[in-house]
Amino acid sequence: MLYLVELWESVRDFMATGGDVLWLVAGALFLMWVLMLERYFFVSFVFPKMRKEIIAKWDARADTTSWYAHRIREAWISQAKEQLNARMGLINTLVAICPMLGLLGTVTGMIAVFEVMAVQGTGNPRLMAGGISMATIPTMSGMVAALSGVFFSTRLNAKLKMSQEQLVDSLPHH
């Protein structure tokens, strides 16, 4: 329990050093990871069942060769692709926005440095250091958040694409 309290205090101190923008980066990172984990769960556990149902419906059809049957096949594949790719646009947007939020933190931190310089002058480096920390920590955090998101969303996209291709291959068209 004491370890958790110390961990929370250390996270809180880090967030305070980085400024308010760091909370935006943390929120975007949290949402991005929740969505990516949901997509991993969907593609790993929900979609295989969906795929089996689609294949069973296709195999149960008496007509699999007509133009009408091919349109039904294409519609089922399209619906499955739509469900597989749901929220991927939002995930990719969150990955792209993390460095921008970090840069917003840089700007707000530099404004804090300039405010200190305007009020106190350049003779107090200790006061300026707080603003410089507020400028660099969000940038670093935004980049780390984006890098983690880029790596895992790329893997997720590959897994989604492979699942789509497996579905298409499982529905033979004559």
C-alpha atoms as a PDB file:
ATOM      1  CA  MET A   1       0.000   0.000   0.000  1.00  0.00           C
ATOM      2  CA  LEU A   2       2.821   2.403   0.867  1.00  0.00           C
ATOM      3  CA  TYR A   3       4.407   1.659  -2.497  1.00  0.00           C
ATOM      4  CA  LEU A   4       1.197   2.689  -4.304  1.00  0.00           C
ATOM      5  CA  VAL A   5       1.063   5.960  -2.362  1.00  0.00           C
ATOM      6  CA  GLU A   6       4.687   6.706  -3.263  1.00  0.00           C
ATOM      7  CA  LEU A   7       4.022   5.782  -6.887  1.00  0.00           C
ATOM      8  CA  TRP A   8       0.991   8.086  -7.034  1.00  0.00           C
ATOM      9  CA  GLU A   9       2.982  10.940  -5.452  1.00  0.00           C
ATOM     10  CA  SER A  10       5.762  10.474  -7.970  1.00  0.00           C
ATOM     11  CA  VAL A  11       3.297  10.478 -10.890  1.00  0.00           C
ATOM     12  CA  ARG A  12       1.563  13.556  -9.470  1.00  0.00           C
ATOM     13  CA  ASP A  13       4.902  15.370  -9.095  1.00  0.00           C
ATOM     14  CA  PHE A  14       5.856  14.456 -12.666  1.00  0.00           C
ATOM     15  CA  MET A  15       2.516  15.740 -13.955  1.00  0.00           C
ATOM     16  CA  ALA A  16       2.896  18.977 -11.972  1.00  0.00           C
ATOM     17  CA  THR A  17       6.397  19.500 -13.368  1.00  0.00           C
ATOM     18  CA  GLY A  18       5.112  19.020 -16.918  1.00  0.00           C
ATOM     19  CA  GLY A  19       2.196  21.397 -16.527  1.00  0.00           C
ATOM     20  CA  ASP A  20      -1.482  21.088 -17.313  1.00  0.00           C
ATOM     21  CA  VAL A  21      -0.888  20.065 -20.923  1.00  0.00           C
ATOM     22  CA  LEU A  22       0.628  16.821 -19.664  1.00  0.00           C
ATOM     23  CA  TRP A  23      -2.845  15.822 -18.436  1.00  0.00           C
ATOM     24  CA  LEU A  24      -4.104  16.205 -22.026  1.00  0.00           C
ATOM     25  CA  VAL A  25      -1.294  13.957 -23.260  1.00  0.00           C
ATOM     26  CA  ALA A  26      -2.144  11.421 -20.542  1.00  0.00           C
ATOM     27  CA  GLY A  27      -5.849  11.542 -21.463  1.00  0.00           C
ATOM     28  CA  ALA A  28      -5.116  11.042 -25.170  1.00  0.00           C
ATOM     29  CA  LEU A  29      -2.712   8.204 -24.342  1.00  0.00           C
ATOM     30  CA  PHE A  30      -5.250   6.508 -22.064  1.00  0.00           C
ATOM     31  CA  LEU A  31      -8.042   6.762 -24.648  1.00  0.00           C
ATOM     32  CA  MET A  32      -5.735   5.537 -27.416  1.00  0.00           C
ATOM     33  CA  TRP A  33      -4.718   2.456 -25.420  1.00  0.00           C
ATOM     34  CA  VAL A  34      -8.279   1.663 -24.335  1.00  0.00           C
ATOM     35  CA  LEU A  35      -9.368   1.748 -27.983  1.00  0.00           C
ATOM     36  CA  MET A  36      -6.385  -0.310 -29.169  1.00  0.00           C
ATOM     37  CA  LEU A  37      -6.956  -2.957 -26.482  1.00  0.00           C
ATOM     38  CA  GLU A  38     -10.631  -3.090 -27.428  1.00  0.00           C
ATOM     39  CA  ARG A  39      -9.669  -3.657 -31.086  1.00  0.00           C
ATOM     40  CA  TYR A  40      -7.175  -6.399 -30.082  1.00  0.00           C
ATOM     41  CA  PHE A  41      -9.903  -8.070 -28.046  1.00  0.00           C
ATOM     42  CA  PHE A  42     -12.361  -7.776 -30.950  1.00  0.00           C
ATOM     43  CA  VAL A  43      -9.991  -9.203 -33.551  1.00  0.00           C
ATOM     44  CA  SER A  44      -8.776 -11.975 -31.239  1.00  0.00           C
ATOM     45  CA  PHE A  45     -12.024 -13.163 -29.646  1.00  0.00           C
ATOM     46  CA  VAL A  46     -15.133 -11.647 -31.239  1.00  0.00           C
ATOM     47  CA  PHE A  47     -14.219 -11.630 -34.927  1.00  0.00           C
ATOM     48  CA  PRO A  48     -13.283 -15.345 -35.169  1.00  0.00           C
ATOM     49  CA  LYS A  49     -16.849 -16.211 -34.073  1.00  0.00           C
ATOM     50  CA  MET A  50     -18.240 -13.695 -36.541  1.00  0.00           C
ATOM     51  CA  ARG A  51     -16.081 -15.171 -39.286  1.00  0.00           C
ATOM     52  CA  LYS A  52     -17.355 -18.696 -38.551  1.00  0.00           C
ATOM     53  CA  GLU A  53     -20.967 -17.448 -38.717  1.00  0.00           C
ATOM     54  CA  ILE A  54     -20.374 -15.748 -42.078  1.00  0.00           C
ATOM     55  CA  ILE A  55     -18.680 -18.859 -43.472  1.00  0.00           C
ATOM     56  CA  ALA A  56     -21.511 -21.045 -42.185  1.00  0.00           C
ATOM     57  CA  LYS A  57     -24.102 -18.768 -43.806  1.00  0.00           C
ATOM     58  CA  TRP A  58     -22.153 -18.846 -47.088  1.00  0.00           C
ATOM     59  CA  ASP A  59     -21.761 -22.632 -47.010  1.00  0.00           C
ATOM     60  CA  ALA A  60     -25.484 -23.017 -46.240  1.00  0.00           C
ATOM     61  CA  ARG A  61     -26.435 -21.135 -49.389  1.00  0.00           C
ATOM     62  CA  ALA A  62     -27.549 -23.283 -52.286  1.00  0.00           C
ATOM     63  CA  ASP A  63     -26.564 -20.602 -54.784  1.00  0.00           C
ATOM     64  CA  THR A  64     -22.948 -19.400 -54.557  1.00  0.00           C
ATOM     65  CA  THR A  65     -22.279 -18.756 -58.220  1.00  0.00           C
ATOM     66  CA  SER A  66     -24.835 -16.217 -59.426  1.00  0.00           C
ATOM     67  CA  TRP A  67     -24.300 -12.480 -59.675  1.00  0.00           C
ATOM     68  CA  TYR A  68     -26.761 -12.024 -56.786  1.00  0.00           C
ATOM     69  CA  ALA A  69     -24.804 -14.487 -54.595  1.00  0.00           C
ATOM     70  CA  HIS A  70     -21.569 -12.620 -55.279  1.00  0.00           C
ATOM     71  CA  ARG A  71     -23.171  -9.319 -54.226  1.00  0.00           C
ATOM     72  CA  ILE A  72     -24.303 -10.967 -50.976  1.00  0.00           C
ATOM     73  CA  ARG A  73     -20.765 -12.263 -50.431  1.00  0.00           C
ATOM     74  CA  GLU A  74     -19.313  -8.806 -51.077  1.00  0.00           C
ATOM     75  CA  ALA A  75     -21.833  -7.232 -48.701  1.00  0.00           C
ATOM     76  CA  TRP A  76     -20.943  -9.658 -45.900  1.00  0.00           C
ATOM     77  CA  ILE A  77     -17.229  -9.065 -46.464  1.00  0.00           C
ATOM     78  CA  SER A  78     -17.782  -5.307 -46.503  1.00  0.00           C
ATOM     79  CA  GLN A  79     -19.771  -5.404 -43.251  1.00  0.00           C
ATOM     80  CA  ALA A  80     -17.058  -7.496 -41.593  1.00  0.00           C
ATOM     81  CA  LYS A  81     -14.336  -5.099 -42.787  1.00  0.00           C
ATOM     82  CA  GLU A  82     -16.334  -2.169 -41.468  1.00  0.00           C
ATOM     83  CA  GLN A  83     -16.624  -3.794 -38.052  1.00  0.00           C
ATOM     84  CA  LEU A  84     -12.943  -4.752 -38.045  1.00  0.00           C
ATOM     85  CA  ASN A  85     -11.805  -1.214 -38.899  1.00  0.00           C
ATOM     86  CA  ALA A  86     -14.177   0.530 -36.501  1.00  0.00           C
ATOM     87  CA  ARG A  87     -12.421   3.183 -34.385  1.00  0.00           C
ATOM     88  CA  MET A  88      -9.119   2.784 -36.254  1.00  0.00           C
ATOM     89  CA  GLY A  89      -9.478   6.334 -37.591  1.00  0.00           C
ATOM     90  CA  LEU A  90      -9.815   7.648 -34.048  1.00  0.00           C
ATOM     91  CA  ILE A  91      -6.836   5.577 -32.895  1.00  0.00           C
ATOM     92  CA  ASN A  92      -4.685   6.924 -35.744  1.00  0.00           C
ATOM     93  CA  THR A  93      -5.838  10.471 -34.962  1.00  0.00           C
ATOM     94  CA  LEU A  94      -4.893  10.060 -31.299  1.00  0.00           C
ATOM     95  CA  VAL A  95      -1.467   8.726 -32.315  1.00  0.00           C
ATOM     96  CA  ALA A  96      -0.971  11.774 -34.538  1.00  0.00           C
ATOM     97  CA  ILE A  97      -2.245  14.277 -31.982  1.00  0.00           C
ATOM     98  CA  CYS A  98       0.037  13.184 -29.102  1.00  0.00           C
ATOM     99  CA  PRO A  99       3.167  14.960 -30.425  1.00  0.00           C
ATOM    100  CA  MET A 100       1.048  18.052 -31.149  1.00  0.00           C
ATOM    101  CA  LEU A 101      -0.163  18.104 -27.563  1.00  0.00           C
ATOM    102  CA  GLY A 102       3.457  17.758 -26.460  1.00  0.00           C
ATOM    103  CA  LEU A 103       4.371  20.767 -28.583  1.00  0.00           C
ATOM    104  CA  LEU A 104       1.514  22.695 -27.012  1.00  0.00           C
ATOM    105  CA  GLY A 105       3.182  21.938 -23.676  1.00  0.00           C
ATOM    106  CA  THR A 106       6.446  23.279 -25.078  1.00  0.00           C
ATOM    107  CA  VAL A 107       4.773  26.535 -26.024  1.00  0.00           C
ATOM    108  CA  THR A 108       3.059  26.945 -22.656  1.00  0.00           C
ATOM    109  CA  GLY A 109       6.316  26.128 -20.843  1.00  0.00           C
ATOM    110  CA  MET A 110       8.233  28.691 -22.880  1.00  0.00           C
ATOM    111  CA  ILE A 111       5.549  31.281 -22.118  1.00  0.00           C
ATOM    112  CA  ALA A 112       6.119  30.530 -18.425  1.00  0.00           C
ATOM    113  CA  VAL A 113       9.879  31.044 -18.926  1.00  0.00           C
ATOM    114  CA  PHE A 114       9.286  34.368 -20.672  1.00  0.00           C
ATOM    115  CA  GLU A 115       6.901  35.492 -17.923  1.00  0.00           C
ATOM    116  CA  VAL A 116       9.572  34.772 -15.299  1.00  0.00           C
ATOM    117  CA  MET A 117      12.142  36.633 -17.372  1.00  0.00           C
ATOM    118  CA  ALA A 118       9.781  39.604 -17.744  1.00  0.00           C
ATOM    119  CA  VAL A 119       9.039  39.805 -14.032  1.00  0.00           C
ATOM    120  CA  GLN A 120      12.289  38.622 -12.409  1.00  0.00           C
ATOM    121  CA  GLY A 121      14.813  39.254 -15.164  1.00  0.00           C
ATOM    122  CA  THR A 122      17.351  36.698 -16.336  1.00  0.00           C
ATOM    123  CA  GLY A 123      19.192  36.611 -13.015  1.00  0.00           C
ATOM    124  CA  ASN A 124      17.131  33.827 -11.447  1.00  0.00           C
ATOM    125  CA  PRO A 125      17.859  30.564 -13.246  1.00  0.00           C
ATOM    126  CA  ARG A 126      16.005  28.490 -10.636  1.00  0.00           C
ATOM    127  CA  LEU A 127      12.685  30.123 -11.522  1.00  0.00           C
ATOM    128  CA  MET A 128      13.370  29.735 -15.247  1.00  0.00           C
ATOM    129  CA  ALA A 129      14.156  26.016 -14.802  1.00  0.00           C
ATOM    130  CA  GLY A 130      10.551  25.285 -13.832  1.00  0.00           C
ATOM    131  CA  GLY A 131       9.312  26.731 -17.109  1.00  0.00           C
ATOM    132  CA  ILE A 132      11.966  24.866 -19.074  1.00  0.00           C
ATOM    133  CA  SER A 133      10.874  21.594 -17.433  1.00  0.00           C
ATOM    134  CA  MET A 134       7.305  22.501 -18.277  1.00  0.00           C
ATOM    135  CA  ALA A 135       8.471  22.978 -21.873  1.00  0.00           C
ATOM    136  CA  THR A 136      10.450  19.780 -22.339  1.00  0.00           C
ATOM    137  CA  ILE A 137       8.552  17.146 -20.344  1.00  0.00           C
ATOM    138  CA  PRO A 138       5.295  17.385 -22.351  1.00  0.00           C
ATOM    139  CA  THR A 139       7.234  17.195 -25.617  1.00  0.00           C
ATOM    140  CA  MET A 140       9.019  14.058 -24.488  1.00  0.00           C
ATOM    141  CA  SER A 141       5.787  12.566 -23.156  1.00  0.00           C
ATOM    142  CA  GLY A 142       3.905  13.317 -26.367  1.00  0.00           C
ATOM    143  CA  MET A 143       6.646  11.676 -28.427  1.00  0.00           C
ATOM    144  CA  VAL A 144       6.763   8.579 -26.204  1.00  0.00           C
ATOM    145  CA  ALA A 145       2.965   8.298 -26.340  1.00  0.00           C
ATOM    146  CA  ALA A 146       2.986   8.620 -30.135  1.00  0.00           C
ATOM    147  CA  LEU A 147       5.800   6.084 -30.552  1.00  0.00           C
ATOM    148  CA  SER A 148       3.995   3.497 -28.447  1.00  0.00           C
ATOM    149  CA  GLY A 149       0.835   4.163 -30.409  1.00  0.00           C
ATOM    150  CA  VAL A 150       2.577   3.965 -33.794  1.00  0.00           C
ATOM    151  CA  PHE A 151       4.174   0.629 -32.968  1.00  0.00           C
ATOM    152  CA  PHE A 152       1.047  -1.046 -31.640  1.00  0.00           C
ATOM    153  CA  SER A 153      -1.415   0.489 -34.103  1.00  0.00           C
ATOM    154  CA  THR A 154       0.793  -0.736 -36.963  1.00  0.00           C
ATOM    155  CA  ARG A 155       0.705  -4.225 -35.493  1.00  0.00           C
ATOM    156  CA  LEU A 156      -3.036  -3.922 -34.983  1.00  0.00           C
ATOM    157  CA  ASN A 157      -3.567  -2.787 -38.585  1.00  0.00           C
ATOM    158  CA  ALA A 158      -1.577  -5.782 -39.838  1.00  0.00           C
ATOM    159  CA  LYS A 159      -3.648  -8.137 -37.680  1.00  0.00           C
ATOM    160  CA  LEU A 160      -6.882  -6.567 -38.928  1.00  0.00           C
ATOM    161  CA  LYS A 161      -5.780  -6.823 -42.542  1.00  0.00           C
ATOM    162  CA  MET A 162      -4.805 -10.473 -42.081  1.00  0.00           C
ATOM    163  CA  SER A 163      -8.210 -11.227 -40.535  1.00  0.00           C
ATOM    164  CA  GLN A 164      -9.933  -9.547 -43.477  1.00  0.00           C
ATOM    165  CA  GLU A 165      -7.906 -11.540 -45.983  1.00  0.00           C
ATOM    166  CA  GLN A 166      -8.605 -14.787 -44.144  1.00  0.00           C
ATOM    167  CA  LEU A 167     -12.319 -14.063 -44.318  1.00  0.00           C
ATOM    168  CA  VAL A 168     -12.159 -13.323 -48.052  1.00  0.00           C
ATOM    169  CA  ASP A 169     -10.161 -16.505 -48.639  1.00  0.00           C
ATOM    170  CA  SER A 170     -12.652 -18.535 -46.603  1.00  0.00           C
ATOM    171  CA  LEU A 171     -15.558 -17.541 -48.828  1.00  0.00           C
ATOM    172  CA  PRO A 172     -14.812 -19.159 -52.162  1.00  0.00           C
ATOM    173  CA  HIS A 173     -16.457 -17.604 -55.160  1.00  0.00           C
ATOM    174  CA  HIS A 174     -16.955 -19.791 -58.161  1.00  0.00           C
END
